[in-house]
Amino acid sequence: MSEDADETDSEEGLTYAETGVDIDKSEAATHALIGAVGEFEGDYAGLVDIGDQYLALATDGVGTKLLVAEAIDDYSTIGIDCIAMNVNDLVAQGVEPVAFVDYLAVEQPDDETATAIGEGLSRGAEQATVQLIGGETAVMPDVIKGLDIAGACAGLAPKGTLFPGDASPGDVLVGWPSSGVHSNGLTLAREAVTRDHEYTDPFPPEPDNTIAETLLEPTRIYTDLLGPLREQETHAAAHVTGGGWTNLTRMGDHRYEITDPFAAQPIFEFVQREGNIDDEEMHRTFNMGTGFVAAMPERDAEAVLSETEDGRLIGSVAECDEGCVEVRELRIA
């Protein structure tokens, strides 16, 4: 994708930080919050020891993807995103998602919008095989402009089934493709594509879809990977979300060499060109076509690939003094 990024552009190249989201500052604030309330186990979910198993809890929302939905008044897939962002975090830890509860905060109540979001939540829950167990709608005109939705997912993991969480040098990396932008980096993507376009404009590579419809492609749900990953010696897994490929360093301080990543969908090339964004910034912000990664011995990878669809070997793990990620020799972290 670098050819497009290197072309001369009269507008300054965008970065995620310049659009208002500084990943480093965000992580620092998160660590400060954790430090203030006490440590908890797990990179993706909090764990509670309840005897012979763990109860896991994860919470997340869909970020500024909501603003794209608002721009074209289409909230039909936002609920799927909210489910996906939570259940995928549990899967990355080796936890089976069980139940989900949502929280919808609105400036003013609107039946049609609530119905559309609710139907999306139902479809997402069906895809993830979790139960919806209620939720809360809060009307707060003094706090909320438009609406925001978040959720929390509970999961269970019998002791001995959690992924250890630390990859080993010599492991191979198995990856599965994303469905598109998912629900991270939309602040940067929105700024880029609206420089010279409207959300309702046809998406040039696929003119039957609008730019907004392409950005709103629902986040892929990866719960179907949990069984095969648990059956083999999976050392660690990563859900590629905010921070893009730097998420791989959650699997430990190793060198992650990505030699055969999945091709990035056309939306990424479009965002990069319109925003004049360099390759490193793209990979530090977006999933770039790969949504989920697991580290394991090669013998186990072969078994996992035989039991799952559309996965493949994308790289390997090597020794490194501190976590670093290289995607086709592009240093990301």
C-alpha atoms as a PDB file:
ATOM      1  CA  MET A   1       0.000   0.000   0.000  1.00  0.00           C
ATOM      2  CA  SER A   2       2.994   2.248   0.269  1.00  0.00           C
ATOM      3  CA  GLU A   3       2.793   3.548  -3.311  1.00  0.00           C
ATOM      4  CA  ASP A   4      -0.427   5.407  -2.560  1.00  0.00           C
ATOM      5  CA  ALA A   5       0.946   6.681   0.730  1.00  0.00           C
ATOM      6  CA  ASP A   6       4.061   8.045  -0.957  1.00  0.00           C
ATOM      7  CA  GLU A   7       2.222   9.994  -3.625  1.00  0.00           C
ATOM      8  CA  THR A   8       2.402  13.759  -3.309  1.00  0.00           C
ATOM      9  CA  ASP A   9      -0.636  15.124  -1.569  1.00  0.00           C
ATOM     10  CA  SER A  10      -1.449  18.776  -1.060  1.00  0.00           C
ATOM     11  CA  GLU A  11      -2.949  17.994   2.333  1.00  0.00           C
ATOM     12  CA  GLU A  12      -0.893  17.027   5.344  1.00  0.00           C
ATOM     13  CA  GLY A  13      -0.798  13.332   6.191  1.00  0.00           C
ATOM     14  CA  LEU A  14      -3.105  12.353   9.051  1.00  0.00           C
ATOM     15  CA  THR A  15      -2.206  10.498  12.229  1.00  0.00           C
ATOM     16  CA  TYR A  16      -4.526   8.969  14.806  1.00  0.00           C
ATOM     17  CA  ALA A  17      -3.148  11.267  17.528  1.00  0.00           C
ATOM     18  CA  GLU A  18      -3.800  14.392  15.432  1.00  0.00           C
ATOM     19  CA  THR A  19      -7.446  13.391  15.003  1.00  0.00           C
ATOM     20  CA  GLY A  20      -7.815  13.250  18.776  1.00  0.00           C
ATOM     21  CA  VAL A  21      -6.913   9.674  19.745  1.00  0.00           C
ATOM     22  CA  ASP A  22      -3.409   9.176  21.117  1.00  0.00           C
ATOM     23  CA  ILE A  23      -2.895   5.433  21.666  1.00  0.00           C
ATOM     24  CA  ASP A  24       0.079   5.931  23.997  1.00  0.00           C
ATOM     25  CA  LYS A  25      -1.800   8.391  26.203  1.00  0.00           C
ATOM     26  CA  SER A  26      -4.863   6.154  26.175  1.00  0.00           C
ATOM     27  CA  GLU A  27      -2.828   3.183  27.366  1.00  0.00           C
ATOM     28  CA  ALA A  28      -1.180   5.280  30.058  1.00  0.00           C
ATOM     29  CA  ALA A  29      -4.593   6.411  31.321  1.00  0.00           C
ATOM     30  CA  THR A  30      -5.818   2.813  31.343  1.00  0.00           C
ATOM     31  CA  HIS A  31      -2.808   1.676  33.371  1.00  0.00           C
ATOM     32  CA  ALA A  32      -3.396   4.558  35.788  1.00  0.00           C
ATOM     33  CA  LEU A  33      -7.014   3.492  36.279  1.00  0.00           C
ATOM     34  CA  ILE A  34      -6.031  -0.132  36.841  1.00  0.00           C
ATOM     35  CA  GLY A  35      -3.375   0.935  39.307  1.00  0.00           C
ATOM     36  CA  ALA A  36      -5.899   2.996  41.258  1.00  0.00           C
ATOM     37  CA  VAL A  37      -8.543   0.277  41.558  1.00  0.00           C
ATOM     38  CA  GLY A  38      -6.193  -2.694  41.992  1.00  0.00           C
ATOM     39  CA  GLU A  39      -4.693  -5.227  39.630  1.00  0.00           C
ATOM     40  CA  PHE A  40      -6.719  -7.915  37.928  1.00  0.00           C
ATOM     41  CA  GLU A  41      -5.787 -10.956  35.911  1.00  0.00           C
ATOM     42  CA  GLY A  42      -5.984 -11.002  32.137  1.00  0.00           C
ATOM     43  CA  ASP A  43      -5.154  -8.666  29.274  1.00  0.00           C
ATOM     44  CA  TYR A  44      -8.639  -8.796  27.774  1.00  0.00           C
ATOM     45  CA  ALA A  45     -10.971  -9.540  30.664  1.00  0.00           C
ATOM     46  CA  GLY A  46     -11.142  -9.477  34.446  1.00  0.00           C
ATOM     47  CA  LEU A  47     -11.138 -12.910  36.072  1.00  0.00           C
ATOM     48  CA  VAL A  48     -12.861 -14.057  39.267  1.00  0.00           C
ATOM     49  CA  ASP A  49     -11.939 -17.402  40.824  1.00  0.00           C
ATOM     50  CA  ILE A  50     -15.225 -19.187  41.612  1.00  0.00           C
ATOM     51  CA  GLY A  51     -13.908 -22.598  42.534  1.00  0.00           C
ATOM     52  CA  ASP A  52     -13.339 -25.024  39.689  1.00  0.00           C
ATOM     53  CA  GLN A  53     -13.566 -22.329  37.043  1.00  0.00           C
ATOM     54  CA  TYR A  54     -13.140 -18.647  36.352  1.00  0.00           C
ATOM     55  CA  LEU A  55     -15.862 -16.098  35.800  1.00  0.00           C
ATOM     56  CA  ALA A  56     -14.621 -13.558  33.247  1.00  0.00           C
ATOM     57  CA  LEU A  57     -16.040 -10.109  32.544  1.00  0.00           C
ATOM     58  CA  ALA A  58     -15.276  -7.827  29.600  1.00  0.00           C
ATOM     59  CA  THR A  59     -16.753  -4.481  28.637  1.00  0.00           C
ATOM     60  CA  ASP A  60     -16.502  -2.372  25.489  1.00  0.00           C
ATOM     61  CA  GLY A  61     -18.424  -0.207  23.067  1.00  0.00           C
ATOM     62  CA  VAL A  62     -18.234   0.664  19.375  1.00  0.00           C
ATOM     63  CA  GLY A  63     -16.607   4.090  19.585  1.00  0.00           C
ATOM     64  CA  THR A  64     -17.102   6.688  16.882  1.00  0.00           C
ATOM     65  CA  LYS A  65     -18.458   4.120  14.453  1.00  0.00           C
ATOM     66  CA  LEU A  66     -21.715   5.430  15.895  1.00  0.00           C
ATOM     67  CA  LEU A  67     -21.124   8.736  14.110  1.00  0.00           C
ATOM     68  CA  VAL A  68     -21.034   6.967  10.745  1.00  0.00           C
ATOM     69  CA  ALA A  69     -24.305   5.237  11.596  1.00  0.00           C
ATOM     70  CA  GLU A  70     -25.776   8.561  12.666  1.00  0.00           C
ATOM     71  CA  ALA A  71     -24.689  10.235   9.424  1.00  0.00           C
ATOM     72  CA  ILE A  72     -26.831   7.894   7.331  1.00  0.00           C
ATOM     73  CA  ASP A  73     -29.385   7.048  10.063  1.00  0.00           C
ATOM     74  CA  ASP A  74     -28.638   3.331   9.896  1.00  0.00           C
ATOM     75  CA  TYR A  75     -28.064   1.613  13.238  1.00  0.00           C
ATOM     76  CA  SER A  76     -28.939  -1.885  12.033  1.00  0.00           C
ATOM     77  CA  THR A  77     -25.466  -3.367  12.511  1.00  0.00           C
ATOM     78  CA  ILE A  78     -24.161  -1.428  15.521  1.00  0.00           C
ATOM     79  CA  GLY A  79     -25.512  -4.034  17.936  1.00  0.00           C
ATOM     80  CA  ILE A  80     -23.478  -6.744  16.196  1.00  0.00           C
ATOM     81  CA  ASP A  81     -20.359  -4.623  16.677  1.00  0.00           C
ATOM     82  CA  CYS A  82     -21.076  -4.182  20.373  1.00  0.00           C
ATOM     83  CA  ILE A  83     -21.441  -7.935  20.894  1.00  0.00           C
ATOM     84  CA  ALA A  84     -18.354  -8.680  18.792  1.00  0.00           C
ATOM     85  CA  MET A  85     -16.004  -6.292  20.569  1.00  0.00           C
ATOM     86  CA  ASN A  86     -16.802  -7.961  23.880  1.00  0.00           C
ATOM     87  CA  VAL A  87     -16.977 -11.647  22.987  1.00  0.00           C
ATOM     88  CA  ASN A  88     -13.799 -11.477  20.890  1.00  0.00           C
ATOM     89  CA  ASP A  89     -11.868 -10.217  23.909  1.00  0.00           C
ATOM     90  CA  LEU A  90     -13.054 -13.210  25.928  1.00  0.00           C
ATOM     91  CA  VAL A  91     -12.099 -15.636  23.161  1.00  0.00           C
ATOM     92  CA  ALA A  92      -8.587 -14.123  23.090  1.00  0.00           C
ATOM     93  CA  GLN A  93      -8.192 -15.197  26.705  1.00  0.00           C
ATOM     94  CA  GLY A  94      -9.608 -18.701  26.224  1.00  0.00           C
ATOM     95  CA  VAL A  95     -12.978 -17.926  27.815  1.00  0.00           C
ATOM     96  CA  GLU A  96     -16.354 -19.069  26.533  1.00  0.00           C
ATOM     97  CA  PRO A  97     -18.768 -16.102  26.341  1.00  0.00           C
ATOM     98  CA  VAL A  98     -22.061 -16.880  28.058  1.00  0.00           C
ATOM     99  CA  ALA A  99     -24.199 -13.789  28.640  1.00  0.00           C
ATOM    100  CA  PHE A 100     -24.331 -10.166  27.526  1.00  0.00           C
ATOM    101  CA  VAL A 101     -25.907  -7.023  28.926  1.00  0.00           C
ATOM    102  CA  ASP A 102     -26.077  -3.686  27.093  1.00  0.00           C
ATOM    103  CA  TYR A 103     -26.186  -0.050  28.166  1.00  0.00           C
ATOM    104  CA  LEU A 104     -27.718   2.496  25.795  1.00  0.00           C
ATOM    105  CA  ALA A 105     -27.379   6.169  26.694  1.00  0.00           C
ATOM    106  CA  VAL A 106     -29.364   8.636  24.599  1.00  0.00           C
ATOM    107  CA  GLU A 107     -29.967  12.350  24.350  1.00  0.00           C
ATOM    108  CA  GLN A 108     -33.613  11.713  23.514  1.00  0.00           C
ATOM    109  CA  PRO A 109     -35.448   8.369  23.222  1.00  0.00           C
ATOM    110  CA  ASP A 110     -36.278   7.182  19.717  1.00  0.00           C
ATOM    111  CA  ASP A 111     -38.190   3.951  19.146  1.00  0.00           C
ATOM    112  CA  GLU A 112     -36.911   3.284  15.632  1.00  0.00           C
ATOM    113  CA  THR A 113     -33.270   3.685  16.595  1.00  0.00           C
ATOM    114  CA  ALA A 114     -33.689   1.555  19.711  1.00  0.00           C
ATOM    115  CA  THR A 115     -35.392  -1.162  17.676  1.00  0.00           C
ATOM    116  CA  ALA A 116     -32.621  -1.177  15.066  1.00  0.00           C
ATOM    117  CA  ILE A 117     -29.930  -1.426  17.727  1.00  0.00           C
ATOM    118  CA  GLY A 118     -31.854  -4.147  19.572  1.00  0.00           C
ATOM    119  CA  GLU A 119     -32.243  -6.223  16.419  1.00  0.00           C
ATOM    120  CA  GLY A 120     -28.497  -5.924  15.806  1.00  0.00           C
ATOM    121  CA  LEU A 121     -27.783  -7.055  19.356  1.00  0.00           C
ATOM    122  CA  SER A 122     -30.017 -10.084  18.818  1.00  0.00           C
ATOM    123  CA  ARG A 123     -28.250 -11.035  15.590  1.00  0.00           C
ATOM    124  CA  GLY A 124     -24.858 -10.587  17.212  1.00  0.00           C
ATOM    125  CA  ALA A 125     -25.848 -12.679  20.208  1.00  0.00           C
ATOM    126  CA  GLU A 126     -27.083 -15.431  17.909  1.00  0.00           C
ATOM    127  CA  GLN A 127     -23.803 -15.412  15.965  1.00  0.00           C
ATOM    128  CA  ALA A 128     -21.785 -15.499  19.190  1.00  0.00           C
ATOM    129  CA  THR A 129     -24.099 -18.028  20.885  1.00  0.00           C
ATOM    130  CA  VAL A 130     -24.503 -15.872  23.985  1.00  0.00           C
ATOM    131  CA  GLN A 131     -27.669 -14.980  25.873  1.00  0.00           C
ATOM    132  CA  LEU A 132     -28.946 -11.426  26.084  1.00  0.00           C
ATOM    133  CA  ILE A 133     -30.017 -10.964  29.704  1.00  0.00           C
ATOM    134  CA  GLY A 134     -31.393  -7.456  29.647  1.00  0.00           C
ATOM    135  CA  GLY A 135     -29.904  -4.009  29.653  1.00  0.00           C
ATOM    136  CA  GLU A 136     -30.416  -0.391  30.526  1.00  0.00           C
ATOM    137  CA  THR A 137     -31.482   2.671  28.554  1.00  0.00           C
ATOM    138  CA  ALA A 138     -30.614   6.032  30.090  1.00  0.00           C
ATOM    139  CA  VAL A 139     -31.969   9.355  28.828  1.00  0.00           C
ATOM    140  CA  MET A 140     -29.381  12.046  29.650  1.00  0.00           C
ATOM    141  CA  PRO A 141     -29.749  15.164  27.474  1.00  0.00           C
ATOM    142  CA  ASP A 142     -27.288  17.117  29.634  1.00  0.00           C
ATOM    143  CA  VAL A 143     -24.556  14.508  29.146  1.00  0.00           C
ATOM    144  CA  ILE A 144     -25.121  12.696  25.846  1.00  0.00           C
ATOM    145  CA  LYS A 145     -25.318  14.257  22.394  1.00  0.00           C
ATOM    146  CA  GLY A 146     -26.914  11.692  20.111  1.00  0.00           C
ATOM    147  CA  LEU A 147     -26.336   8.292  21.677  1.00  0.00           C
ATOM    148  CA  ASP A 148     -23.735   5.873  22.930  1.00  0.00           C
ATOM    149  CA  ILE A 149     -23.899   2.135  23.396  1.00  0.00           C
ATOM    150  CA  ALA A 150     -21.659  -0.182  25.361  1.00  0.00           C
ATOM    151  CA  GLY A 151     -21.992  -3.606  26.835  1.00  0.00           C
ATOM    152  CA  ALA A 152     -20.525  -6.165  29.190  1.00  0.00           C
ATOM    153  CA  CYS A 153     -20.061  -9.851  28.525  1.00  0.00           C
ATOM    154  CA  ALA A 154     -19.703 -12.618  31.093  1.00  0.00           C
ATOM    155  CA  GLY A 155     -17.910 -15.842  30.306  1.00  0.00           C
ATOM    156  CA  LEU A 156     -16.756 -19.041  31.963  1.00  0.00           C
ATOM    157  CA  ALA A 157     -13.515 -20.972  31.731  1.00  0.00           C
ATOM    158  CA  PRO A 158     -12.868 -24.216  33.616  1.00  0.00           C
ATOM    159  CA  LYS A 159      -9.482 -24.094  35.284  1.00  0.00           C
ATOM    160  CA  GLY A 160      -6.785 -25.360  32.957  1.00  0.00           C
ATOM    161  CA  THR A 161      -8.512 -24.105  29.809  1.00  0.00           C
ATOM    162  CA  LEU A 162      -7.364 -20.460  29.844  1.00  0.00           C
ATOM    163  CA  PHE A 163      -4.607 -19.667  27.370  1.00  0.00           C
ATOM    164  CA  PRO A 164      -1.369 -19.105  29.326  1.00  0.00           C
ATOM    165  CA  GLY A 165      -1.126 -15.695  27.667  1.00  0.00           C
ATOM    166  CA  ASP A 166       2.562 -15.793  26.756  1.00  0.00           C
ATOM    167  CA  ALA A 167       3.791 -16.912  23.350  1.00  0.00           C
ATOM    168  CA  SER A 168       7.049 -18.884  23.114  1.00  0.00           C
ATOM    169  CA  PRO A 169       9.973 -18.269  20.755  1.00  0.00           C
ATOM    170  CA  GLY A 170       9.603 -20.847  18.009  1.00  0.00           C
ATOM    171  CA  ASP A 171       5.812 -20.622  17.967  1.00  0.00           C
ATOM    172  CA  VAL A 172       4.034 -20.010  14.705  1.00  0.00           C
ATOM    173  CA  LEU A 173       1.329 -17.382  14.341  1.00  0.00           C
ATOM    174  CA  VAL A 174      -2.034 -18.421  12.955  1.00  0.00           C
ATOM    175  CA  GLY A 175      -4.304 -15.639  11.721  1.00  0.00           C
ATOM    176  CA  TRP A 176      -7.887 -15.219  10.626  1.00  0.00           C
ATOM    177  CA  PRO A 177      -9.112 -12.375   8.419  1.00  0.00           C
ATOM    178  CA  SER A 178     -11.153  -9.432   9.584  1.00  0.00           C
ATOM    179  CA  SER A 179     -14.364  -8.325   7.908  1.00  0.00           C
ATOM    180  CA  GLY A 180     -13.083  -4.782   7.387  1.00  0.00           C
ATOM    181  CA  VAL A 181     -12.362  -1.847   9.676  1.00  0.00           C
ATOM    182  CA  HIS A 182     -14.267  -3.477  12.581  1.00  0.00           C
ATOM    183  CA  SER A 183     -14.841  -0.948  15.418  1.00  0.00           C
ATOM    184  CA  ASN A 184     -11.460   0.688  15.951  1.00  0.00           C
ATOM    185  CA  GLY A 185      -9.695   3.582  14.289  1.00  0.00           C
ATOM    186  CA  LEU A 186     -12.922   5.165  13.056  1.00  0.00           C
ATOM    187  CA  THR A 187     -11.859   8.607  14.278  1.00  0.00           C
ATOM    188  CA  LEU A 188      -8.944   8.504  11.851  1.00  0.00           C
ATOM    189  CA  ALA A 189     -10.915   6.782   9.084  1.00  0.00           C
ATOM    190  CA  ARG A 190     -13.761   9.302   9.303  1.00  0.00           C
ATOM    191  CA  GLU A 191     -11.402  12.273   9.127  1.00  0.00           C
ATOM    192  CA  ALA A 192      -9.648  10.775   6.119  1.00  0.00           C
ATOM    193  CA  VAL A 193     -12.641   9.831   3.993  1.00  0.00           C
ATOM    194  CA  THR A 194     -14.589  13.036   4.631  1.00  0.00           C
ATOM    195  CA  ARG A 195     -11.789  15.305   3.409  1.00  0.00           C
ATOM    196  CA  ASP A 196     -13.137  15.163  -0.131  1.00  0.00           C
ATOM    197  CA  HIS A 197     -16.181  12.861   0.105  1.00  0.00           C
ATOM    198  CA  GLU A 198     -19.568  12.516   1.714  1.00  0.00           C
ATOM    199  CA  TYR A 199     -20.551   9.337   3.553  1.00  0.00           C
ATOM    200  CA  THR A 200     -23.316   8.810   1.011  1.00  0.00           C
ATOM    201  CA  ASP A 201     -20.904   8.879  -1.952  1.00  0.00           C
ATOM    202  CA  PRO A 202     -20.367   5.554  -3.738  1.00  0.00           C
ATOM    203  CA  PHE A 203     -17.336   3.669  -2.438  1.00  0.00           C
ATOM    204  CA  PRO A 204     -15.038   3.807  -5.509  1.00  0.00           C
ATOM    205  CA  PRO A 205     -13.777   0.172  -5.454  1.00  0.00           C
ATOM    206  CA  GLU A 206     -17.343  -1.107  -4.902  1.00  0.00           C
ATOM    207  CA  PRO A 207     -19.712   1.572  -6.219  1.00  0.00           C
ATOM    208  CA  ASP A 208     -22.812  -0.451  -5.341  1.00  0.00           C
ATOM    209  CA  ASN A 209     -22.026   0.418  -1.715  1.00  0.00           C
ATOM    210  CA  THR A 210     -21.668   3.838  -0.162  1.00  0.00           C
ATOM    211  CA  ILE A 211     -18.598   4.863   1.835  1.00  0.00           C
ATOM    212  CA  ALA A 212     -20.664   4.709   5.019  1.00  0.00           C
ATOM    213  CA  GLU A 213     -21.974   1.219   4.291  1.00  0.00           C
ATOM    214  CA  THR A 214     -18.422   0.001   3.783  1.00  0.00           C
ATOM    215  CA  LEU A 215     -17.233   1.549   7.043  1.00  0.00           C
ATOM    216  CA  LEU A 216     -20.237   0.016   8.838  1.00  0.00           C
ATOM    217  CA  GLU A 217     -19.424  -3.560   7.802  1.00  0.00           C
ATOM    218  CA  PRO A 218     -19.982  -5.422  11.112  1.00  0.00           C
ATOM    219  CA  THR A 219     -17.061  -6.610  13.194  1.00  0.00           C
ATOM    220  CA  ARG A 220     -16.388 -10.305  12.689  1.00  0.00           C
ATOM    221  CA  ILE A 221     -17.197 -12.571  15.632  1.00  0.00           C
ATOM    222  CA  TYR A 222     -14.547 -15.209  16.424  1.00  0.00           C
ATOM    223  CA  THR A 223     -16.295 -17.424  18.998  1.00  0.00           C
ATOM    224  CA  ASP A 224     -16.182 -20.360  16.559  1.00  0.00           C
ATOM    225  CA  LEU A 225     -12.388 -20.465  17.019  1.00  0.00           C
ATOM    226  CA  LEU A 226     -12.538 -21.147  20.755  1.00  0.00           C
ATOM    227  CA  GLY A 227     -13.177 -24.897  20.610  1.00  0.00           C
ATOM    228  CA  PRO A 228     -10.348 -25.718  18.178  1.00  0.00           C
ATOM    229  CA  LEU A 229      -7.932 -23.379  19.978  1.00  0.00           C
ATOM    230  CA  ARG A 230      -8.707 -24.955  23.359  1.00  0.00           C
ATOM    231  CA  GLU A 231      -8.210 -28.456  21.992  1.00  0.00           C
ATOM    232  CA  GLN A 232      -4.618 -27.678  21.026  1.00  0.00           C
ATOM    233  CA  GLU A 233      -1.644 -26.151  22.838  1.00  0.00           C
ATOM    234  CA  THR A 234      -2.528 -22.527  22.247  1.00  0.00           C
ATOM    235  CA  HIS A 235      -0.076 -20.369  24.157  1.00  0.00           C
ATOM    236  CA  ALA A 236      -1.694 -16.972  23.584  1.00  0.00           C
ATOM    237  CA  ALA A 237      -4.088 -15.106  21.325  1.00  0.00           C
ATOM    238  CA  ALA A 238      -4.727 -11.519  20.325  1.00  0.00           C
ATOM    239  CA  HIS A 239      -7.859  -9.745  19.140  1.00  0.00           C
ATOM    240  CA  VAL A 240      -6.534  -7.053  16.772  1.00  0.00           C
ATOM    241  CA  THR A 241      -8.402  -3.955  17.955  1.00  0.00           C
ATOM    242  CA  GLY A 242      -7.320  -0.465  19.030  1.00  0.00           C
ATOM    243  CA  GLY A 243      -3.606  -0.091  18.423  1.00  0.00           C
ATOM    244  CA  GLY A 244      -3.716  -2.354  15.376  1.00  0.00           C
ATOM    245  CA  TRP A 245      -0.849  -4.806  15.093  1.00  0.00           C
ATOM    246  CA  THR A 246       0.708  -3.602  18.355  1.00  0.00           C
ATOM    247  CA  ASN A 247      -1.892  -5.829  20.043  1.00  0.00           C
ATOM    248  CA  LEU A 248       0.392  -8.781  19.339  1.00  0.00           C
ATOM    249  CA  THR A 249       2.725  -7.567  22.085  1.00  0.00           C
ATOM    250  CA  ARG A 250      -0.020  -8.512  24.557  1.00  0.00           C
ATOM    251  CA  MET A 251       1.186 -12.070  23.960  1.00  0.00           C
ATOM    252  CA  GLY A 252       4.502 -11.280  25.667  1.00  0.00           C
ATOM    253  CA  ASP A 253       7.777  -9.500  25.014  1.00  0.00           C
ATOM    254  CA  HIS A 254       8.844 -11.339  21.878  1.00  0.00           C
ATOM    255  CA  ARG A 255       9.579 -10.583  18.252  1.00  0.00           C
ATOM    256  CA  TYR A 256       6.495 -11.140  16.096  1.00  0.00           C
ATOM    257  CA  GLU A 257       7.464 -11.549  12.458  1.00  0.00           C
ATOM    258  CA  ILE A 258       4.462 -11.356  10.126  1.00  0.00           C
ATOM    259  CA  THR A 259       5.536 -12.632   6.742  1.00  0.00           C
ATOM    260  CA  ASP A 260       2.187 -13.530   5.155  1.00  0.00           C
ATOM    261  CA  PRO A 261      -0.605 -11.308   6.494  1.00  0.00           C
ATOM    262  CA  PHE A 262      -4.020 -11.319   4.911  1.00  0.00           C
ATOM    263  CA  ALA A 263      -4.590  -8.750   2.204  1.00  0.00           C
ATOM    264  CA  ALA A 264      -6.094  -5.531   3.502  1.00  0.00           C
ATOM    265  CA  GLN A 265      -9.615  -4.908   2.228  1.00  0.00           C
ATOM    266  CA  PRO A 266     -10.079  -2.025  -0.256  1.00  0.00           C
ATOM    267  CA  ILE A 267     -11.417   0.250   2.497  1.00  0.00           C
ATOM    268  CA  PHE A 268      -7.948   0.450   4.053  1.00  0.00           C
ATOM    269  CA  GLU A 269      -6.277   1.552   0.831  1.00  0.00           C
ATOM    270  CA  PHE A 270      -9.023   4.138   0.360  1.00  0.00           C
ATOM    271  CA  VAL A 271      -8.583   5.503   3.906  1.00  0.00           C
ATOM    272  CA  GLN A 272      -4.804   5.613   3.506  1.00  0.00           C
ATOM    273  CA  ARG A 273      -4.924   7.433   0.192  1.00  0.00           C
ATOM    274  CA  GLU A 274      -7.588   9.951   1.224  1.00  0.00           C
ATOM    275  CA  GLY A 275      -5.808  10.736   4.488  1.00  0.00           C
ATOM    276  CA  ASN A 276      -2.267  10.528   3.102  1.00  0.00           C
ATOM    277  CA  ILE A 277      -1.465   8.195   6.017  1.00  0.00           C
ATOM    278  CA  ASP A 278       1.852   6.371   6.160  1.00  0.00           C
ATOM    279  CA  ASP A 279       2.113   2.585   6.377  1.00  0.00           C
ATOM    280  CA  GLU A 280       3.285   2.483   9.997  1.00  0.00           C
ATOM    281  CA  GLU A 281       0.385   4.629  11.184  1.00  0.00           C
ATOM    282  CA  MET A 282      -2.083   2.430   9.313  1.00  0.00           C
ATOM    283  CA  HIS A 283      -0.744  -0.730  10.960  1.00  0.00           C
ATOM    284  CA  ARG A 284      -0.634   0.924  14.399  1.00  0.00           C
ATOM    285  CA  THR A 285      -4.289   1.956  14.076  1.00  0.00           C
ATOM    286  CA  PHE A 286      -6.160  -0.653  12.028  1.00  0.00           C
ATOM    287  CA  ASN A 287      -6.305  -4.443  11.756  1.00  0.00           C
ATOM    288  CA  MET A 288      -5.310  -4.166   8.072  1.00  0.00           C
ATOM    289  CA  GLY A 289      -7.212  -7.318   7.111  1.00  0.00           C
ATOM    290  CA  THR A 290      -6.273  -9.633   9.996  1.00  0.00           C
ATOM    291  CA  GLY A 291      -8.636  -9.649  12.964  1.00  0.00           C
ATOM    292  CA  PHE A 292      -7.465 -12.466  15.229  1.00  0.00           C
ATOM    293  CA  VAL A 293      -4.078 -14.108  15.848  1.00  0.00           C
ATOM    294  CA  ALA A 294      -2.991 -17.102  17.940  1.00  0.00           C
ATOM    295  CA  ALA A 295       0.487 -18.338  18.880  1.00  0.00           C
ATOM    296  CA  MET A 296       1.200 -22.071  19.222  1.00  0.00           C
ATOM    297  CA  PRO A 297       3.615 -24.840  18.226  1.00  0.00           C
ATOM    298  CA  GLU A 298       3.527 -25.629  14.518  1.00  0.00           C
ATOM    299  CA  ARG A 299       2.169 -29.158  15.068  1.00  0.00           C
ATOM    300  CA  ASP A 300      -0.841 -27.721  16.892  1.00  0.00           C
ATOM    301  CA  ALA A 301      -1.346 -25.031  14.281  1.00  0.00           C
ATOM    302  CA  GLU A 302      -1.889 -27.664  11.626  1.00  0.00           C
ATOM    303  CA  ALA A 303      -4.656 -29.235  13.716  1.00  0.00           C
ATOM    304  CA  VAL A 304      -6.330 -25.874  14.382  1.00  0.00           C
ATOM    305  CA  LEU A 305      -6.258 -24.950  10.703  1.00  0.00           C
ATOM    306  CA  SER A 306      -7.883 -28.245   9.780  1.00  0.00           C
ATOM    307  CA  GLU A 307     -10.784 -27.495  12.134  1.00  0.00           C
ATOM    308  CA  THR A 308     -11.401 -23.827  11.288  1.00  0.00           C
ATOM    309  CA  GLU A 309     -12.270 -21.908   8.158  1.00  0.00           C
ATOM    310  CA  ASP A 310     -10.126 -19.338   6.351  1.00  0.00           C
ATOM    311  CA  GLY A 311      -7.200 -19.317   8.793  1.00  0.00           C
ATOM    312  CA  ARG A 312      -3.570 -19.656   7.760  1.00  0.00           C
ATOM    313  CA  LEU A 313      -0.015 -19.359   9.016  1.00  0.00           C
ATOM    314  CA  ILE A 314       0.954 -15.697   8.919  1.00  0.00           C
ATOM    315  CA  GLY A 315       4.258 -15.558  10.793  1.00  0.00           C
ATOM    316  CA  SER A 316       6.358 -16.692  13.720  1.00  0.00           C
ATOM    317  CA  VAL A 317       7.605 -15.753  17.179  1.00  0.00           C
ATOM    318  CA  ALA A 318      11.292 -15.162  17.950  1.00  0.00           C
ATOM    319  CA  GLU A 319      13.303 -13.994  20.926  1.00  0.00           C
ATOM    320  CA  CYS A 320      13.469 -10.267  21.609  1.00  0.00           C
ATOM    321  CA  ASP A 321      14.461  -8.173  24.618  1.00  0.00           C
ATOM    322  CA  GLU A 322      11.189  -6.272  24.400  1.00  0.00           C
ATOM    323  CA  GLY A 323       8.007  -6.709  22.415  1.00  0.00           C
ATOM    324  CA  CYS A 324       8.317  -5.809  18.758  1.00  0.00           C
ATOM    325  CA  VAL A 325       6.200  -6.442  15.680  1.00  0.00           C
ATOM    326  CA  GLU A 326       7.330  -6.521  12.059  1.00  0.00           C
ATOM    327  CA  VAL A 327       4.878  -6.885   9.195  1.00  0.00           C
ATOM    328  CA  ARG A 328       6.782  -7.707   6.009  1.00  0.00           C
ATOM    329  CA  GLU A 329       9.825  -5.905   7.473  1.00  0.00           C
ATOM    330  CA  LEU A 330       7.769  -2.840   8.437  1.00  0.00           C
ATOM    331  CA  ARG A 331       8.495  -2.187  12.119  1.00  0.00           C
ATOM    332  CA  ILE A 332       5.242  -1.463  13.961  1.00  0.00           C
ATOM    333  CA  ALA A 333       6.246  -1.667  17.605  1.00  0.00           C
END
